[in-house]
Amino acid sequence: ALNIKKLQEIGSFRGIRHRKGLPVRGQRTKTNARTRKGPKRTVANKKKATIG
């Protein structure tokens, strides 16, 4: 186990990922990063398109 604080201080890629709360070990984040990102934030005001 490496020191996370050290990674953040030297400004490495992994340190930045830790700071942003994103996956650190190269997983995809387009889908499936929910454990690191936390619960889904729903997009507000997505109403169906009205005809007319």
Protein backbone atom coordinates (compact mmCIF):
# COMPACT_ATOMS: atom_id res chain seq x y z
CA ALA A 1 0.00 0.00 0.00
CA LEU A 2 1.46 3.31 -1.13
CA ASN A 3 0.87 6.55 0.72
CA ILE A 4 -2.17 8.23 -0.85
CA LYS A 5 -1.26 11.57 0.72
CA LYS A 6 2.16 11.40 -0.96
CA LEU A 7 0.60 10.65 -4.36
CA GLN A 8 -1.69 13.67 -3.99
CA GLU A 9 1.15 15.97 -2.93
CA ILE A 10 3.40 15.13 -5.89
CA GLY A 11 0.44 15.71 -8.23
CA SER A 12 0.59 12.33 -9.93
CA PHE A 13 -2.27 11.01 -12.07
CA ARG A 14 -3.19 8.56 -9.32
CA GLY A 15 -3.12 11.32 -6.72
CA ILE A 16 -5.51 13.42 -8.82
CA ARG A 17 -7.87 10.43 -9.23
CA HIS A 18 -7.88 9.96 -5.45
CA ARG A 19 -8.65 13.65 -4.92
CA LYS A 20 -11.55 13.63 -7.41
CA GLY A 21 -12.92 10.38 -5.99
CA LEU A 22 -12.64 8.47 -9.26
CA PRO A 23 -11.32 4.96 -9.96
CA VAL A 24 -7.54 4.83 -9.68
CA ARG A 25 -6.70 1.50 -11.29
CA GLY A 26 -7.65 2.15 -14.92
CA GLN A 27 -11.29 1.13 -14.87
CA ARG A 28 -13.76 2.63 -17.32
CA THR A 29 -15.77 5.60 -16.07
CA LYS A 30 -18.18 6.16 -18.96
CA THR A 31 -20.33 3.50 -17.30
CA ASN A 32 -19.83 1.62 -14.02
CA ALA A 33 -17.84 3.70 -11.60
CA ARG A 34 -20.62 4.02 -9.07
CA THR A 35 -18.77 2.78 -5.99
CA ARG A 36 -16.17 5.53 -6.34
CA LYS A 37 -18.52 8.24 -7.64
CA GLY A 38 -21.33 7.57 -5.16
CA PRO A 39 -25.07 7.51 -5.88
CA LYS A 40 -26.33 8.65 -9.27
CA ARG A 41 -27.03 12.37 -9.65
CA THR A 42 -30.12 12.59 -11.83
CA VAL A 43 -30.32 15.24 -14.54
CA ALA A 44 -33.00 17.81 -13.65
CA ASN A 45 -35.86 18.83 -15.95
CA LYS A 46 -35.86 16.05 -18.52
CA LYS A 47 -39.42 16.38 -19.82
CA LYS A 48 -40.84 14.65 -22.90
CA ALA A 49 -40.81 16.72 -26.09
CA THR A 50 -44.16 18.35 -26.79
CA ILE A 51 -45.71 18.17 -30.25
CA GLY A 52 -46.78 21.48 -31.79
